[in-house]
């Protein structure tokens, strides 16, 4: 199931410690977000094009984003788009999640 969903975040920003990540939108945009390469990092081109993670998708989003976790950083799903595009512009089966490092409490 995890392989069916695209997950990426701005790894370069995570290194700053106080990074501010773009917000997902209040609804899925007509234009889906796409993975692009910036420098050597794969990122979503327009995080604001993601809609919210609905209650029905919360568990799946948590599992997908947890696949990015390591001993120092935990990730959370901040957005979902049903037609998110891969690097070649093809839709991911099942859509994609916008994952970012979890907010510290």
N, C-alpha and C. Protein backbone atom coordinates (compact mmCIF):
# COMPACT_ATOMS: atom_id res chain seq x y z
N UNK A 1 0.82 -1.20 0.00
CA UNK A 1 0.00 0.00 0.00
C UNK A 1 0.87 1.27 0.00
N UNK A 2 1.94 1.23 0.76
CA UNK A 2 2.79 2.42 0.82
C UNK A 2 3.38 2.75 -0.54
N UNK A 3 3.66 1.75 -1.34
CA UNK A 3 4.26 1.98 -2.64
C UNK A 3 3.32 2.69 -3.59
N UNK A 4 2.04 2.65 -3.32
CA UNK A 4 1.07 3.28 -4.21
C UNK A 4 0.95 4.78 -4.00
N UNK A 5 1.53 5.28 -2.96
CA UNK A 5 1.40 6.71 -2.65
C UNK A 5 2.75 7.40 -2.74
N UNK A 6 2.74 8.58 -3.30
CA UNK A 6 3.97 9.36 -3.39
C UNK A 6 4.13 10.16 -2.12
N UNK A 7 5.33 10.17 -1.59
CA UNK A 7 5.62 10.99 -0.42
C UNK A 7 6.95 11.68 -0.61
N UNK A 8 6.95 12.96 -0.45
CA UNK A 8 8.19 13.73 -0.49
C UNK A 8 8.05 14.95 0.38
N UNK A 9 9.14 15.47 0.77
CA UNK A 9 9.15 16.71 1.53
C UNK A 9 10.42 17.46 1.19
N UNK A 10 10.55 18.64 1.69
CA UNK A 10 11.71 19.47 1.38
C UNK A 10 12.85 19.12 2.33
N UNK A 11 13.63 18.12 1.98
CA UNK A 11 14.71 17.64 2.84
C UNK A 11 15.71 18.74 3.16
N UNK A 12 16.00 19.57 2.22
CA UNK A 12 16.97 20.63 2.46
C UNK A 12 16.49 21.57 3.56
N UNK A 13 15.21 21.85 3.60
CA UNK A 13 14.68 22.74 4.64
C UNK A 13 14.72 22.08 6.01
N UNK A 14 14.60 20.77 6.05
CA UNK A 14 14.60 20.06 7.33
C UNK A 14 15.92 20.25 8.07
N UNK A 15 16.98 20.47 7.33
CA UNK A 15 18.28 20.64 7.94
C UNK A 15 18.42 21.96 8.68
N UNK A 16 17.55 22.90 8.42
CA UNK A 16 17.65 24.20 9.08
C UNK A 16 17.14 24.18 10.51
N UNK A 17 16.34 23.19 10.88
CA UNK A 17 15.84 23.09 12.24
C UNK A 17 14.61 23.93 12.50
N UNK A 18 14.52 25.09 11.93
CA UNK A 18 13.38 25.98 12.14
C UNK A 18 12.66 26.23 10.82
N UNK A 19 12.67 25.25 9.98
CA UNK A 19 12.08 25.41 8.65
C UNK A 19 10.58 25.66 8.72
N UNK A 20 10.11 26.48 7.83
CA UNK A 20 8.69 26.72 7.68
C UNK A 20 8.29 26.09 6.35
N UNK A 21 7.34 25.18 6.40
CA UNK A 21 6.92 24.48 5.20
C UNK A 21 5.67 25.12 4.64
N UNK A 22 5.55 25.17 3.32
CA UNK A 22 4.33 25.70 2.72
C UNK A 22 3.12 24.91 3.19
N UNK A 23 2.00 25.56 3.25
CA UNK A 23 0.77 24.90 3.68
C UNK A 23 0.06 24.26 2.50
N UNK A 24 -0.66 23.19 2.79
CA UNK A 24 -1.58 22.62 1.80
C UNK A 24 -2.78 23.55 1.71
N UNK A 25 -3.52 23.46 0.63
CA UNK A 25 -4.68 24.30 0.46
C UNK A 25 -5.89 23.80 1.24
N UNK A 26 -6.96 24.55 1.17
CA UNK A 26 -8.20 24.16 1.86
C UNK A 26 -8.99 23.13 1.06
N UNK A 27 -8.60 22.93 -0.21
CA UNK A 27 -9.23 21.93 -1.09
C UNK A 27 -8.22 21.57 -2.17
N UNK A 28 -8.38 20.38 -2.76
CA UNK A 28 -7.51 20.00 -3.87
C UNK A 28 -7.66 21.00 -5.00
N UNK A 29 -6.54 21.46 -5.54
CA UNK A 29 -6.58 22.37 -6.68
C UNK A 29 -6.88 21.57 -7.94
N UNK A 30 -7.41 22.26 -8.96
CA UNK A 30 -7.67 21.61 -10.24
C UNK A 30 -6.37 21.09 -10.85
N UNK A 31 -5.29 21.84 -10.67
CA UNK A 31 -3.97 21.42 -11.16
C UNK A 31 -3.29 20.62 -10.06
N UNK A 32 -3.00 19.34 -10.30
CA UNK A 32 -2.39 18.53 -9.25
C UNK A 32 -0.92 18.90 -9.03
N UNK A 33 -0.42 18.70 -7.80
CA UNK A 33 1.00 18.91 -7.54
C UNK A 33 1.81 17.84 -8.25
N UNK A 34 3.05 18.18 -8.59
CA UNK A 34 3.93 17.24 -9.27
C UNK A 34 5.29 17.23 -8.59
N UNK A 35 5.92 16.08 -8.59
CA UNK A 35 7.28 15.98 -8.07
C UNK A 35 8.23 16.59 -9.11
N UNK A 36 9.13 17.43 -8.63
CA UNK A 36 10.16 18.04 -9.47
C UNK A 36 11.50 17.89 -8.75
N UNK A 37 12.58 18.13 -9.46
CA UNK A 37 13.90 18.09 -8.85
C UNK A 37 14.40 19.52 -8.73
N UNK A 38 14.75 19.91 -7.52
CA UNK A 38 15.36 21.22 -7.25
C UNK A 38 16.70 20.95 -6.60
N UNK A 39 17.74 21.31 -7.29
CA UNK A 39 19.08 20.92 -6.82
C UNK A 39 19.17 19.41 -6.96
N UNK A 40 19.48 18.74 -5.89
CA UNK A 40 19.54 17.28 -5.89
C UNK A 40 18.37 16.67 -5.12
N UNK A 41 17.35 17.47 -4.82
CA UNK A 41 16.26 17.02 -3.97
C UNK A 41 14.96 16.96 -4.76
N UNK A 42 14.23 15.88 -4.57
CA UNK A 42 12.89 15.77 -5.16
C UNK A 42 11.89 16.37 -4.21
N UNK A 43 11.09 17.30 -4.72
CA UNK A 43 10.10 18.01 -3.91
C UNK A 43 8.81 18.15 -4.70
N UNK A 44 7.75 18.50 -4.02
CA UNK A 44 6.49 18.83 -4.70
C UNK A 44 6.60 20.25 -5.24
N UNK A 45 6.13 20.48 -6.47
CA UNK A 45 6.23 21.81 -7.08
C UNK A 45 5.30 22.83 -6.44
N UNK A 46 4.12 22.42 -6.05
CA UNK A 46 3.13 23.35 -5.49
C UNK A 46 2.39 22.71 -4.32
N UNK A 47 2.97 22.73 -3.12
CA UNK A 47 2.30 22.12 -1.97
C UNK A 47 0.91 22.70 -1.71
N UNK A 48 0.69 23.95 -2.06
CA UNK A 48 -0.61 24.58 -1.88
C UNK A 48 -1.71 23.95 -2.73
N UNK A 49 -1.31 23.13 -3.71
CA UNK A 49 -2.31 22.45 -4.55
C UNK A 49 -2.87 21.20 -3.91
N UNK A 50 -2.25 20.75 -2.81
CA UNK A 50 -2.81 19.64 -2.05
C UNK A 50 -4.02 20.14 -1.28
N UNK A 51 -4.97 19.26 -1.05
CA UNK A 51 -6.08 19.56 -0.16
C UNK A 51 -5.77 18.98 1.21
N UNK A 52 -6.70 19.12 2.13
CA UNK A 52 -6.47 18.57 3.47
C UNK A 52 -6.49 17.04 3.45
N UNK A 53 -5.92 16.46 4.49
CA UNK A 53 -6.00 15.01 4.69
C UNK A 53 -7.31 14.76 5.44
N UNK A 54 -8.24 14.10 4.79
CA UNK A 54 -9.54 13.84 5.40
C UNK A 54 -9.42 12.77 6.48
N UNK A 55 -10.44 12.67 7.31
CA UNK A 55 -10.47 11.66 8.36
C UNK A 55 -10.33 10.26 7.77
N UNK A 56 -10.92 10.05 6.61
CA UNK A 56 -10.86 8.74 5.96
C UNK A 56 -9.44 8.40 5.50
N UNK A 57 -8.62 9.41 5.25
CA UNK A 57 -7.26 9.19 4.75
C UNK A 57 -6.20 9.38 5.83
N UNK A 58 -6.58 9.74 7.03
CA UNK A 58 -5.61 10.05 8.09
C UNK A 58 -4.72 8.86 8.42
N UNK A 59 -5.29 7.68 8.56
CA UNK A 59 -4.48 6.50 8.91
C UNK A 59 -3.51 6.15 7.79
N UNK A 60 -3.99 6.17 6.56
CA UNK A 60 -3.12 5.88 5.42
C UNK A 60 -2.02 6.93 5.31
N UNK A 61 -2.38 8.20 5.47
CA UNK A 61 -1.39 9.27 5.40
C UNK A 61 -0.32 9.14 6.48
N UNK A 62 -0.75 8.76 7.69
CA UNK A 62 0.20 8.58 8.78
C UNK A 62 1.19 7.45 8.46
N UNK A 63 0.69 6.37 7.88
CA UNK A 63 1.57 5.24 7.53
C UNK A 63 2.54 5.62 6.41
N UNK A 64 2.02 6.30 5.41
CA UNK A 64 2.88 6.71 4.29
C UNK A 64 3.98 7.65 4.77
N UNK A 65 3.61 8.64 5.53
CA UNK A 65 4.60 9.62 5.99
C UNK A 65 5.57 9.01 7.00
N UNK A 66 5.10 8.04 7.77
CA UNK A 66 5.99 7.38 8.73
C UNK A 66 7.12 6.63 8.02
N UNK A 67 6.92 6.30 6.77
CA UNK A 67 7.97 5.62 6.02
C UNK A 67 9.20 6.51 5.83
N UNK A 68 9.05 7.81 6.07
CA UNK A 68 10.17 8.76 5.97
C UNK A 68 10.86 8.98 7.32
N UNK A 69 10.28 8.46 8.41
CA UNK A 69 10.82 8.70 9.74
C UNK A 69 12.22 8.13 9.91
N UNK A 70 12.98 8.78 10.79
CA UNK A 70 14.27 8.24 11.21
C UNK A 70 14.39 8.48 12.71
N UNK A 71 15.55 8.23 13.29
CA UNK A 71 15.68 8.35 14.74
C UNK A 71 15.60 9.79 15.24
N UNK A 72 15.69 10.76 14.34
CA UNK A 72 15.66 12.17 14.76
C UNK A 72 14.40 12.92 14.33
N UNK A 73 13.75 12.46 13.28
CA UNK A 73 12.62 13.20 12.71
C UNK A 73 11.44 12.28 12.46
N UNK A 74 10.27 12.73 12.90
CA UNK A 74 9.02 12.05 12.62
C UNK A 74 8.26 12.92 11.63
N UNK A 75 7.55 12.30 10.69
CA UNK A 75 6.83 13.03 9.65
C UNK A 75 5.32 12.88 9.79
N UNK A 76 4.61 13.89 9.30
CA UNK A 76 3.15 13.86 9.32
C UNK A 76 2.60 14.29 7.97
N UNK A 77 1.42 13.80 7.66
CA UNK A 77 0.75 14.17 6.41
C UNK A 77 0.04 15.50 6.61
N UNK A 78 0.39 16.47 5.78
CA UNK A 78 -0.25 17.79 5.85
C UNK A 78 -1.16 18.03 4.67
N UNK A 79 -1.12 17.15 3.65
CA UNK A 79 -1.98 17.34 2.49
C UNK A 79 -2.13 16.06 1.70
N UNK A 80 -3.17 16.03 0.90
CA UNK A 80 -3.44 14.88 0.03
C UNK A 80 -4.01 15.40 -1.28
N UNK A 81 -3.61 14.78 -2.39
CA UNK A 81 -4.22 15.10 -3.69
C UNK A 81 -4.42 13.79 -4.42
N UNK A 82 -5.64 13.57 -4.87
CA UNK A 82 -6.01 12.30 -5.52
C UNK A 82 -5.35 12.11 -6.88
N UNK A 83 -4.87 13.20 -7.49
CA UNK A 83 -4.26 13.10 -8.83
C UNK A 83 -2.81 13.59 -8.83
N UNK A 84 -2.11 13.48 -7.70
CA UNK A 84 -0.72 13.91 -7.62
C UNK A 84 0.11 13.21 -8.69
N UNK A 85 1.09 13.95 -9.24
CA UNK A 85 1.86 13.45 -10.38
C UNK A 85 3.30 13.11 -9.99
N UNK A 86 3.81 12.06 -10.63
CA UNK A 86 5.19 11.67 -10.40
C UNK A 86 6.14 12.56 -11.22
N UNK A 87 7.41 12.25 -11.19
CA UNK A 87 8.43 13.04 -11.87
C UNK A 87 8.20 13.13 -13.37
N UNK A 88 7.61 12.08 -13.94
CA UNK A 88 7.34 12.05 -15.38
C UNK A 88 5.97 12.62 -15.75
N UNK A 89 5.24 13.12 -14.76
CA UNK A 89 3.93 13.71 -15.02
C UNK A 89 2.79 12.71 -15.07
N UNK A 90 3.03 11.50 -14.58
CA UNK A 90 1.98 10.48 -14.55
C UNK A 90 1.34 10.45 -13.16
N UNK A 91 0.02 10.27 -13.09
CA UNK A 91 -0.65 10.22 -11.78
C UNK A 91 -0.23 8.99 -10.96
N UNK A 92 -0.03 9.20 -9.67
CA UNK A 92 0.22 8.09 -8.77
C UNK A 92 -1.10 7.37 -8.52
N UNK A 93 -1.05 6.05 -8.54
CA UNK A 93 -2.24 5.27 -8.21
C UNK A 93 -2.56 5.51 -6.75
N UNK A 94 -3.74 5.96 -6.47
CA UNK A 94 -4.13 6.23 -5.09
C UNK A 94 -3.80 7.62 -4.60
N UNK A 95 -3.20 8.45 -5.43
CA UNK A 95 -2.89 9.82 -5.03
C UNK A 95 -1.59 9.94 -4.28
N UNK A 96 -1.33 11.13 -3.75
CA UNK A 96 -0.08 11.38 -3.04
C UNK A 96 -0.30 12.24 -1.81
N UNK A 97 0.59 12.08 -0.84
CA UNK A 97 0.54 12.84 0.40
C UNK A 97 1.69 13.84 0.45
N UNK A 98 1.42 14.97 1.04
CA UNK A 98 2.43 15.98 1.31
C UNK A 98 2.90 15.75 2.75
N UNK A 99 4.10 15.22 2.89
CA UNK A 99 4.65 14.87 4.21
C UNK A 99 5.72 15.88 4.60
N UNK A 100 5.67 16.30 5.85
CA UNK A 100 6.66 17.23 6.38
C UNK A 100 7.05 16.77 7.78
N UNK A 101 8.21 17.21 8.26
CA UNK A 101 8.57 16.87 9.65
C UNK A 101 7.47 17.38 10.61
N UNK A 102 7.15 16.54 11.59
CA UNK A 102 6.09 16.88 12.55
C UNK A 102 6.49 18.09 13.37
N UNK A 103 5.51 18.87 13.73
CA UNK A 103 5.73 20.03 14.60
C UNK A 103 6.13 19.52 15.98
N UNK A 104 7.08 20.20 16.55
CA UNK A 104 7.51 19.84 17.90
C UNK A 104 6.57 20.51 18.90
N UNK A 105 6.28 19.78 19.96
CA UNK A 105 5.38 20.37 20.96
C UNK A 105 6.13 20.92 22.13
